[in-house]
Amino acid sequence: MLDPEIGADDPRRDDVRRLIERHLAFCNEHSPPEDVHALDLDGLVAPQVTFFSLRSGGQVLAVGALKELGDAHAELKAMHTAAEIRRQGAGRRMLEHLLETARRRGYRRVSLETGSTEAFAPARAMYASAGFVPCDPFGDYLPSPNSAFMTLALDRSATAPTDS
């Protein structure tokens, strides 16, 4: 991976859209329809969502987004790394960028929902290694055996999310 750069991007760009389509296909392959919570293109351009891509040599290798849930709480969305470069640090770099962006914006907590099946185990392990811990469903999510909910306090005064 040559000098990767992370910046705000438009998920509707052709190359980014193709990676988002791969992300949605992966989610649909490994989760039942009622538990696919990945945002589509319309969701990724919503005002409360900031979308980023990681590029190297002009090629998009990873994507991720922050969705504002409230003044002090954000959610990680659309985290996906191109399959051919997984385990080379692109996903970790995107995660670190999203967490730094959340800190700069003053969020005290970042949460996420991901799949609970084996296909999502590498993602859950990466989040856990960054300090995320299991939590109850947050926002509009409902409990499901197909979902794993995790959260990370960015500030010692943050408390576990309930419904916000």
N, C-alpha and C. Protein backbone atom coordinates (compact mmCIF):
# COMPACT_ATOMS: atom_id res chain seq x y z
N MET A 1 0.85 -1.17 0.00
CA MET A 1 0.00 0.00 0.00
C MET A 1 0.90 1.23 0.00
N LEU A 2 0.82 2.04 -1.04
CA LEU A 2 1.64 3.24 -1.18
C LEU A 2 0.96 4.42 -0.49
N ASP A 3 1.63 5.07 0.44
CA ASP A 3 1.15 6.30 1.08
C ASP A 3 -0.36 6.51 1.00
N PRO A 4 -1.11 5.74 1.74
CA PRO A 4 -2.56 5.90 1.67
C PRO A 4 -3.00 7.26 2.22
N GLU A 5 -4.02 7.80 1.60
CA GLU A 5 -4.61 9.06 2.02
C GLU A 5 -6.07 8.83 2.35
N ILE A 6 -6.52 9.43 3.45
CA ILE A 6 -7.93 9.34 3.84
C ILE A 6 -8.51 10.73 3.75
N GLY A 7 -9.67 10.83 3.13
CA GLY A 7 -10.35 12.11 3.04
C GLY A 7 -11.84 11.92 2.82
N ALA A 8 -12.58 13.00 3.03
CA ALA A 8 -14.01 12.98 2.76
C ALA A 8 -14.20 12.64 1.28
N ASP A 9 -15.23 11.89 0.99
CA ASP A 9 -15.45 11.45 -0.38
C ASP A 9 -16.95 11.37 -0.64
N ASP A 10 -17.30 11.18 -1.89
CA ASP A 10 -18.69 11.04 -2.31
C ASP A 10 -18.94 9.57 -2.62
N PRO A 11 -19.83 8.92 -1.87
CA PRO A 11 -20.08 7.49 -2.13
C PRO A 11 -20.69 7.23 -3.49
N ARG A 12 -21.14 8.28 -4.19
CA ARG A 12 -21.72 8.10 -5.51
C ARG A 12 -20.67 8.06 -6.62
N ARG A 13 -19.40 8.38 -6.30
CA ARG A 13 -18.33 8.27 -7.31
C ARG A 13 -18.26 6.82 -7.76
N ASP A 14 -18.01 6.59 -9.02
CA ASP A 14 -18.05 5.23 -9.58
C ASP A 14 -17.20 4.23 -8.81
N ASP A 15 -15.94 4.56 -8.55
CA ASP A 15 -15.07 3.60 -7.88
C ASP A 15 -15.49 3.36 -6.43
N VAL A 16 -15.93 4.41 -5.77
CA VAL A 16 -16.39 4.27 -4.38
C VAL A 16 -17.69 3.48 -4.35
N ARG A 17 -18.59 3.80 -5.26
CA ARG A 17 -19.88 3.09 -5.34
C ARG A 17 -19.67 1.59 -5.53
N ARG A 18 -18.68 1.23 -6.34
CA ARG A 18 -18.41 -0.21 -6.56
C ARG A 18 -17.98 -0.88 -5.25
N LEU A 19 -17.16 -0.21 -4.44
CA LEU A 19 -16.75 -0.80 -3.16
C LEU A 19 -17.94 -0.86 -2.20
N ILE A 20 -18.78 0.15 -2.21
CA ILE A 20 -20.00 0.12 -1.39
C ILE A 20 -20.90 -1.04 -1.82
N GLU A 21 -21.01 -1.27 -3.10
CA GLU A 21 -21.82 -2.40 -3.59
C GLU A 21 -21.26 -3.73 -3.09
N ARG A 22 -19.92 -3.85 -3.06
CA ARG A 22 -19.30 -5.07 -2.53
C ARG A 22 -19.62 -5.20 -1.03
N HIS A 23 -19.58 -4.08 -0.32
CA HIS A 23 -19.92 -4.07 1.11
C HIS A 23 -21.36 -4.55 1.32
N LEU A 24 -22.28 -4.00 0.56
CA LEU A 24 -23.69 -4.39 0.69
C LEU A 24 -23.89 -5.86 0.33
N ALA A 25 -23.21 -6.34 -0.71
CA ALA A 25 -23.31 -7.75 -1.10
C ALA A 25 -22.79 -8.65 0.02
N PHE A 26 -21.66 -8.27 0.64
CA PHE A 26 -21.11 -9.04 1.76
C PHE A 26 -22.12 -9.09 2.91
N CYS A 27 -22.67 -7.94 3.27
CA CYS A 27 -23.64 -7.90 4.37
C CYS A 27 -24.86 -8.75 4.07
N ASN A 28 -25.37 -8.66 2.85
CA ASN A 28 -26.54 -9.44 2.47
C ASN A 28 -26.26 -10.93 2.38
N GLU A 29 -25.02 -11.30 2.06
CA GLU A 29 -24.65 -12.70 2.00
C GLU A 29 -24.56 -13.33 3.39
N HIS A 30 -24.14 -12.55 4.37
CA HIS A 30 -23.84 -13.10 5.69
C HIS A 30 -24.83 -12.72 6.79
N SER A 31 -25.90 -12.01 6.45
CA SER A 31 -26.92 -11.64 7.43
C SER A 31 -28.30 -11.80 6.81
N PRO A 32 -29.29 -12.18 7.61
CA PRO A 32 -30.65 -12.24 7.07
C PRO A 32 -31.13 -10.82 6.75
N PRO A 33 -32.04 -10.70 5.79
CA PRO A 33 -32.48 -9.37 5.34
C PRO A 33 -32.90 -8.42 6.46
N GLU A 34 -33.57 -8.95 7.47
CA GLU A 34 -34.04 -8.07 8.56
C GLU A 34 -32.91 -7.54 9.43
N ASP A 35 -31.73 -8.10 9.28
CA ASP A 35 -30.59 -7.66 10.09
C ASP A 35 -29.44 -7.09 9.26
N VAL A 36 -29.74 -6.66 8.05
CA VAL A 36 -28.75 -5.94 7.26
C VAL A 36 -29.00 -4.45 7.52
N HIS A 37 -28.09 -3.86 8.28
CA HIS A 37 -28.25 -2.46 8.68
C HIS A 37 -27.28 -1.53 7.96
N ALA A 38 -26.64 -2.04 6.91
CA ALA A 38 -25.71 -1.23 6.13
C ALA A 38 -26.47 -0.13 5.40
N LEU A 39 -25.89 1.05 5.36
CA LEU A 39 -26.52 2.17 4.66
C LEU A 39 -26.30 2.04 3.15
N ASP A 40 -27.35 2.33 2.39
CA ASP A 40 -27.21 2.38 0.94
C ASP A 40 -26.68 3.77 0.56
N LEU A 41 -26.57 4.05 -0.73
CA LEU A 41 -26.01 5.33 -1.17
C LEU A 41 -26.80 6.51 -0.63
N ASP A 42 -28.12 6.43 -0.64
CA ASP A 42 -28.93 7.53 -0.11
C ASP A 42 -28.62 7.76 1.37
N GLY A 43 -28.48 6.69 2.13
CA GLY A 43 -28.17 6.81 3.54
C GLY A 43 -26.79 7.40 3.78
N LEU A 44 -25.85 7.10 2.91
CA LEU A 44 -24.48 7.58 3.07
C LEU A 44 -24.31 9.05 2.71
N VAL A 45 -25.28 9.63 2.01
CA VAL A 45 -25.20 11.06 1.69
C VAL A 45 -26.15 11.88 2.56
N ALA A 46 -26.75 11.27 3.57
CA ALA A 46 -27.63 11.99 4.49
C ALA A 46 -26.84 13.05 5.25
N PRO A 47 -27.49 14.12 5.67
CA PRO A 47 -26.77 15.23 6.33
C PRO A 47 -26.03 14.83 7.60
N GLN A 48 -26.51 13.85 8.34
CA GLN A 48 -25.87 13.46 9.59
C GLN A 48 -24.73 12.46 9.39
N VAL A 49 -24.41 12.13 8.14
CA VAL A 49 -23.36 11.16 7.83
C VAL A 49 -22.19 11.85 7.13
N THR A 50 -20.98 11.56 7.58
CA THR A 50 -19.77 12.01 6.90
C THR A 50 -19.06 10.76 6.39
N PHE A 51 -18.82 10.72 5.11
CA PHE A 51 -18.28 9.54 4.44
C PHE A 51 -16.82 9.79 4.05
N PHE A 52 -15.97 8.78 4.25
CA PHE A 52 -14.55 8.88 3.95
C PHE A 52 -14.10 7.69 3.11
N SER A 53 -13.05 7.90 2.33
CA SER A 53 -12.41 6.79 1.64
C SER A 53 -10.91 6.85 1.90
N LEU A 54 -10.30 5.69 1.85
CA LEU A 54 -8.85 5.56 1.93
C LEU A 54 -8.39 5.16 0.54
N ARG A 55 -7.47 5.95 0.00
CA ARG A 55 -6.96 5.69 -1.35
C ARG A 55 -5.46 5.55 -1.32
N SER A 56 -4.96 4.74 -2.23
CA SER A 56 -3.53 4.60 -2.44
C SER A 56 -3.31 4.57 -3.94
N GLY A 57 -2.44 5.44 -4.42
CA GLY A 57 -2.23 5.51 -5.86
C GLY A 57 -3.50 5.81 -6.62
N GLY A 58 -4.41 6.54 -5.99
CA GLY A 58 -5.69 6.90 -6.62
C GLY A 58 -6.76 5.83 -6.52
N GLN A 59 -6.40 4.63 -6.07
CA GLN A 59 -7.36 3.53 -5.99
C GLN A 59 -8.02 3.51 -4.61
N VAL A 60 -9.35 3.40 -4.58
CA VAL A 60 -10.06 3.32 -3.31
C VAL A 60 -9.89 1.91 -2.74
N LEU A 61 -9.40 1.85 -1.49
CA LEU A 61 -9.11 0.57 -0.84
C LEU A 61 -10.01 0.30 0.36
N ALA A 62 -10.52 1.36 0.98
CA ALA A 62 -11.37 1.19 2.16
C ALA A 62 -12.28 2.39 2.28
N VAL A 63 -13.41 2.17 2.93
CA VAL A 63 -14.37 3.24 3.18
C VAL A 63 -14.86 3.14 4.61
N GLY A 64 -15.42 4.23 5.08
CA GLY A 64 -16.01 4.27 6.41
C GLY A 64 -16.76 5.57 6.58
N ALA A 65 -17.67 5.59 7.53
CA ALA A 65 -18.47 6.79 7.76
C ALA A 65 -18.77 6.96 9.24
N LEU A 66 -19.05 8.19 9.60
CA LEU A 66 -19.53 8.53 10.94
C LEU A 66 -20.94 9.07 10.79
N LYS A 67 -21.84 8.54 11.58
CA LYS A 67 -23.22 9.03 11.60
C LYS A 67 -23.47 9.65 12.96
N GLU A 68 -23.87 10.91 12.97
CA GLU A 68 -24.16 11.58 14.23
C GLU A 68 -25.49 11.08 14.78
N LEU A 69 -25.45 10.62 16.03
CA LEU A 69 -26.66 10.15 16.70
C LEU A 69 -27.19 11.17 17.70
N GLY A 70 -26.34 12.07 18.10
CA GLY A 70 -26.68 13.11 19.06
C GLY A 70 -25.46 13.97 19.27
N ASP A 71 -25.56 14.95 20.15
CA ASP A 71 -24.45 15.87 20.37
C ASP A 71 -23.16 15.17 20.78
N ALA A 72 -23.26 14.07 21.50
CA ALA A 72 -22.06 13.44 22.05
C ALA A 72 -21.87 12.00 21.61
N HIS A 73 -22.69 11.51 20.67
CA HIS A 73 -22.67 10.09 20.30
C HIS A 73 -22.69 9.96 18.78
N ALA A 74 -21.77 9.15 18.26
CA ALA A 74 -21.72 8.87 16.83
C ALA A 74 -21.68 7.36 16.62
N GLU A 75 -22.03 6.97 15.41
CA GLU A 75 -22.01 5.55 15.04
C GLU A 75 -21.08 5.36 13.85
N LEU A 76 -20.29 4.28 13.90
CA LEU A 76 -19.49 3.89 12.74
C LEU A 76 -20.41 3.20 11.74
N LYS A 77 -20.30 3.58 10.49
CA LYS A 77 -21.10 2.97 9.43
C LYS A 77 -20.20 2.68 8.23
N ALA A 78 -20.63 1.76 7.40
CA ALA A 78 -20.02 1.50 6.09
C ALA A 78 -18.53 1.17 6.14
N MET A 79 -18.07 0.59 7.24
CA MET A 79 -16.66 0.19 7.32
C MET A 79 -16.45 -1.01 6.40
N HIS A 80 -15.60 -0.84 5.39
CA HIS A 80 -15.34 -1.94 4.48
C HIS A 80 -13.97 -1.74 3.83
N THR A 81 -13.23 -2.81 3.76
CA THR A 81 -11.92 -2.83 3.10
C THR A 81 -12.00 -3.80 1.94
N ALA A 82 -11.44 -3.42 0.81
CA ALA A 82 -11.41 -4.29 -0.36
C ALA A 82 -10.80 -5.64 0.04
N ALA A 83 -11.45 -6.73 -0.32
CA ALA A 83 -11.03 -8.07 0.10
C ALA A 83 -9.57 -8.36 -0.25
N GLU A 84 -9.13 -7.88 -1.38
CA GLU A 84 -7.77 -8.21 -1.83
C GLU A 84 -6.66 -7.55 -1.01
N ILE A 85 -7.00 -6.57 -0.17
CA ILE A 85 -5.95 -5.95 0.65
C ILE A 85 -6.24 -6.04 2.16
N ARG A 86 -7.17 -6.91 2.53
CA ARG A 86 -7.45 -7.08 3.96
C ARG A 86 -6.21 -7.58 4.69
N ARG A 87 -6.14 -7.25 5.97
CA ARG A 87 -5.03 -7.62 6.85
C ARG A 87 -3.72 -6.92 6.49
N GLN A 88 -3.85 -5.78 5.82
CA GLN A 88 -2.67 -4.97 5.50
C GLN A 88 -2.73 -3.60 6.18
N GLY A 89 -3.71 -3.39 7.05
CA GLY A 89 -3.77 -2.16 7.83
C GLY A 89 -4.71 -1.08 7.34
N ALA A 90 -5.34 -1.28 6.19
CA ALA A 90 -6.22 -0.23 5.65
C ALA A 90 -7.45 -0.03 6.55
N GLY A 91 -8.05 -1.11 7.00
CA GLY A 91 -9.21 -1.00 7.87
C GLY A 91 -8.86 -0.34 9.20
N ARG A 92 -7.73 -0.70 9.75
CA ARG A 92 -7.26 -0.09 11.00
C ARG A 92 -7.02 1.40 10.81
N ARG A 93 -6.42 1.77 9.69
CA ARG A 93 -6.17 3.20 9.43
C ARG A 93 -7.48 3.96 9.31
N MET A 94 -8.46 3.36 8.65
CA MET A 94 -9.76 4.01 8.52
C MET A 94 -10.40 4.16 9.90
N LEU A 95 -10.36 3.10 10.70
CA LEU A 95 -10.94 3.16 12.04
C LEU A 95 -10.28 4.26 12.86
N GLU A 96 -8.96 4.34 12.84
CA GLU A 96 -8.24 5.38 13.59
C GLU A 96 -8.64 6.77 13.11
N HIS A 97 -8.81 6.93 11.80
CA HIS A 97 -9.23 8.22 11.26
C HIS A 97 -10.63 8.59 11.75
N LEU A 98 -11.54 7.63 11.72
CA LEU A 98 -12.91 7.91 12.16
C LEU A 98 -12.95 8.26 13.65
N LEU A 99 -12.16 7.55 14.45
CA LEU A 99 -12.14 7.85 15.89
C LEU A 99 -11.52 9.22 16.15
N GLU A 100 -10.48 9.57 15.43
CA GLU A 100 -9.87 10.89 15.60
C GLU A 100 -10.85 11.98 15.17
N THR A 101 -11.58 11.76 14.08
CA THR A 101 -12.59 12.71 13.64
C THR A 101 -13.66 12.87 14.71
N ALA A 102 -14.09 11.77 15.30
CA ALA A 102 -15.11 11.82 16.36
C ALA A 102 -14.59 12.63 17.56
N ARG A 103 -13.34 12.41 17.93
CA ARG A 103 -12.76 13.17 19.06
C ARG A 103 -12.72 14.67 18.73
N ARG A 104 -12.27 15.02 17.53
CA ARG A 104 -12.20 16.43 17.15
C ARG A 104 -13.57 17.08 17.17
N ARG A 105 -14.60 16.32 16.85
CA ARG A 105 -15.96 16.85 16.84
C ARG A 105 -16.58 16.91 18.24
N GLY A 106 -15.88 16.37 19.21
CA GLY A 106 -16.37 16.43 20.59
C GLY A 106 -17.30 15.31 20.99
N TYR A 107 -17.39 14.26 20.18
CA TYR A 107 -18.20 13.11 20.59
C TYR A 107 -17.56 12.46 21.80
N ARG A 108 -18.37 11.97 22.71
CA ARG A 108 -17.85 11.28 23.88
C ARG A 108 -17.94 9.77 23.72
N ARG A 109 -18.73 9.31 22.75
CA ARG A 109 -18.94 7.87 22.57
C ARG A 109 -19.13 7.59 21.08
N VAL A 110 -18.55 6.47 20.65
CA VAL A 110 -18.76 5.96 19.29
C VAL A 110 -19.24 4.52 19.44
N SER A 111 -20.32 4.19 18.76
CA SER A 111 -20.88 2.84 18.83
C SER A 111 -20.99 2.26 17.42
N LEU A 112 -21.25 0.96 17.37
CA LEU A 112 -21.40 0.32 16.06
C LEU A 112 -22.26 -0.92 16.20
N GLU A 113 -22.80 -1.33 15.07
CA GLU A 113 -23.50 -2.60 14.94
C GLU A 113 -22.80 -3.33 13.83
N THR A 114 -22.50 -4.61 14.07
CA THR A 114 -21.92 -5.46 13.04
C THR A 114 -22.54 -6.84 13.16
N GLY A 115 -22.24 -7.70 12.24
CA GLY A 115 -22.81 -9.04 12.28
C GLY A 115 -22.20 -9.89 13.39
N SER A 116 -22.96 -10.87 13.83
CA SER A 116 -22.49 -11.76 14.90
C SER A 116 -21.96 -13.09 14.36
N THR A 117 -22.06 -13.29 13.05
CA THR A 117 -21.61 -14.56 12.47
C THR A 117 -20.10 -14.58 12.29
N GLU A 118 -19.59 -15.73 11.94
CA GLU A 118 -18.15 -15.93 11.76
C GLU A 118 -17.57 -15.00 10.69
N ALA A 119 -18.34 -14.67 9.67
CA ALA A 119 -17.85 -13.81 8.60
C ALA A 119 -17.45 -12.42 9.12
N PHE A 120 -18.05 -12.00 10.22
CA PHE A 120 -17.77 -10.68 10.79
C PHE A 120 -16.76 -10.75 11.94
N ALA A 121 -16.25 -11.94 12.24
CA ALA A 121 -15.31 -12.09 13.37
C ALA A 121 -14.07 -11.21 13.22
N PRO A 122 -13.46 -11.10 12.03
CA PRO A 122 -12.29 -10.21 11.93
C PRO A 122 -12.63 -8.75 12.25
N ALA A 123 -13.79 -8.30 11.84
CA ALA A 123 -14.19 -6.92 12.15
C ALA A 123 -14.38 -6.76 13.66
N ARG A 124 -15.07 -7.71 14.29
CA ARG A 124 -15.28 -7.61 15.74
C ARG A 124 -13.95 -7.63 16.48
N ALA A 125 -13.01 -8.44 16.02
CA ALA A 125 -11.69 -8.51 16.66
C ALA A 125 -10.95 -7.18 16.51
N MET A 126 -11.04 -6.56 15.34
CA MET A 126 -10.38 -5.27 15.14
C MET A 126 -10.99 -4.22 16.06
N TYR A 127 -12.31 -4.19 16.15
CA TYR A 127 -12.97 -3.21 17.03
C TYR A 127 -12.58 -3.45 18.49
N ALA A 128 -12.58 -4.70 18.90
CA ALA A 128 -12.21 -5.02 20.29
C ALA A 128 -10.78 -4.59 20.57
N SER A 129 -9.88 -4.80 19.62
CA SER A 129 -8.48 -4.43 19.83
C SER A 129 -8.31 -2.91 19.91
N ALA A 130 -9.28 -2.16 19.40
CA ALA A 130 -9.25 -0.70 19.49
C ALA A 130 -9.94 -0.19 20.76
N GLY A 131 -10.46 -1.12 21.58
CA GLY A 131 -11.08 -0.73 22.84
C GLY A 131 -12.59 -0.79 22.87
N PHE A 132 -13.22 -1.15 21.76
CA PHE A 132 -14.68 -1.29 21.76
C PHE A 132 -15.08 -2.47 22.63
N VAL A 133 -16.19 -2.32 23.34
CA VAL A 133 -16.71 -3.37 24.20
C VAL A 133 -18.17 -3.64 23.82
N PRO A 134 -18.66 -4.85 24.09
CA PRO A 134 -20.07 -5.14 23.80
C PRO A 134 -20.99 -4.18 24.56
N CYS A 135 -22.11 -3.88 23.95
CA CYS A 135 -23.11 -3.02 24.58
C CYS A 135 -24.49 -3.45 24.14
N ASP A 136 -25.49 -2.86 24.76
CA ASP A 136 -26.88 -3.10 24.37
C ASP A 136 -27.16 -2.38 23.05
N PRO A 137 -28.23 -2.77 22.37
CA PRO A 137 -28.62 -2.04 21.17
C PRO A 137 -28.80 -0.55 21.50
N PHE A 138 -28.51 0.30 20.56
CA PHE A 138 -28.61 1.74 20.74
C PHE A 138 -29.40 2.32 19.57
N GLY A 139 -29.75 3.59 19.66
CA GLY A 139 -30.51 4.23 18.59
C GLY A 139 -31.79 3.48 18.30
N ASP A 140 -32.01 3.18 17.02
CA ASP A 140 -33.23 2.48 16.59
C ASP A 140 -33.06 0.97 16.49
N TYR A 141 -31.89 0.45 16.87
CA TYR A 141 -31.65 -0.99 16.76
C TYR A 141 -32.47 -1.76 17.79
N LEU A 142 -32.85 -2.96 17.40
CA LEU A 142 -33.52 -3.89 18.30
C LEU A 142 -32.59 -5.06 18.57
N PRO A 143 -32.74 -5.72 19.71
CA PRO A 143 -31.89 -6.89 19.98
C PRO A 143 -32.08 -7.94 18.88
N SER A 144 -30.99 -8.58 18.49
CA SER A 144 -31.05 -9.63 17.48
C SER A 144 -29.86 -10.57 17.68
N PRO A 145 -30.07 -11.86 17.52
CA PRO A 145 -28.93 -12.79 17.61
C PRO A 145 -27.97 -12.63 16.43
N ASN A 146 -28.38 -11.92 15.39
CA ASN A 146 -27.54 -11.73 14.21
C ASN A 146 -26.69 -10.47 14.27
N SER A 147 -26.88 -9.67 15.32
CA SER A 147 -26.16 -8.41 15.46
C SER A 147 -25.29 -8.42 16.70
N ALA A 148 -24.13 -7.80 16.56
CA ALA A 148 -23.23 -7.54 17.69
C ALA A 148 -23.14 -6.03 17.83
N PHE A 149 -23.38 -5.53 19.02
CA PHE A 149 -23.32 -4.10 19.29
C PHE A 149 -22.10 -3.83 20.15
N MET A 150 -21.35 -2.79 19.78
CA MET A 150 -20.13 -2.46 20.51
C MET A 150 -20.05 -0.94 20.68
N THR A 151 -19.34 -0.51 21.70
CA THR A 151 -19.21 0.92 21.96
C THR A 151 -17.84 1.23 22.53
N LEU A 152 -17.43 2.47 22.35
CA LEU A 152 -16.15 2.95 22.85
C LEU A 152 -16.35 4.33 23.45
N ALA A 153 -16.00 4.48 24.72
CA ALA A 153 -16.04 5.80 25.36
C ALA A 153 -14.80 6.57 24.96
N LEU A 154 -15.00 7.77 24.42
CA LEU A 154 -13.88 8.61 24.03
C LEU A 154 -13.51 9.57 25.15
N ASP A 155 -14.35 9.60 26.19
CA ASP A 155 -14.17 10.53 27.29
C ASP A 155 -14.58 9.79 28.56
N ARG A 156 -13.81 9.92 29.61
CA ARG A 156 -14.10 9.19 30.85
C ARG A 156 -15.47 9.51 31.42
N SER A 157 -16.02 10.67 31.09
CA SER A 157 -17.33 11.04 31.64
C SER A 157 -18.49 10.45 30.84
N ALA A 158 -18.18 9.77 29.72
CA ALA A 158 -19.24 9.16 28.92
C ALA A 158 -19.86 7.99 29.65
N THR A 159 -21.12 7.79 29.45
CA THR A 159 -21.82 6.67 30.05
C THR A 159 -22.36 5.78 28.95
N ALA A 160 -22.71 4.58 29.29
CA ALA A 160 -23.22 3.63 28.30
C ALA A 160 -24.47 4.19 27.63
N PRO A 161 -24.59 4.01 26.32
CA PRO A 161 -25.76 4.51 25.61
C PRO A 161 -27.01 3.72 25.99
N THR A 162 -28.12 4.40 25.97
CA THR A 162 -29.39 3.72 26.21
C THR A 162 -30.17 3.75 24.90
N ASP A 163 -30.89 4.81 24.64
CA ASP A 163 -31.67 4.87 23.42
C ASP A 163 -31.33 6.08 22.56
N SER A 164 -30.21 6.71 22.80
CA SER A 164 -29.87 7.85 21.97
C SER A 164 -28.66 7.58 21.12
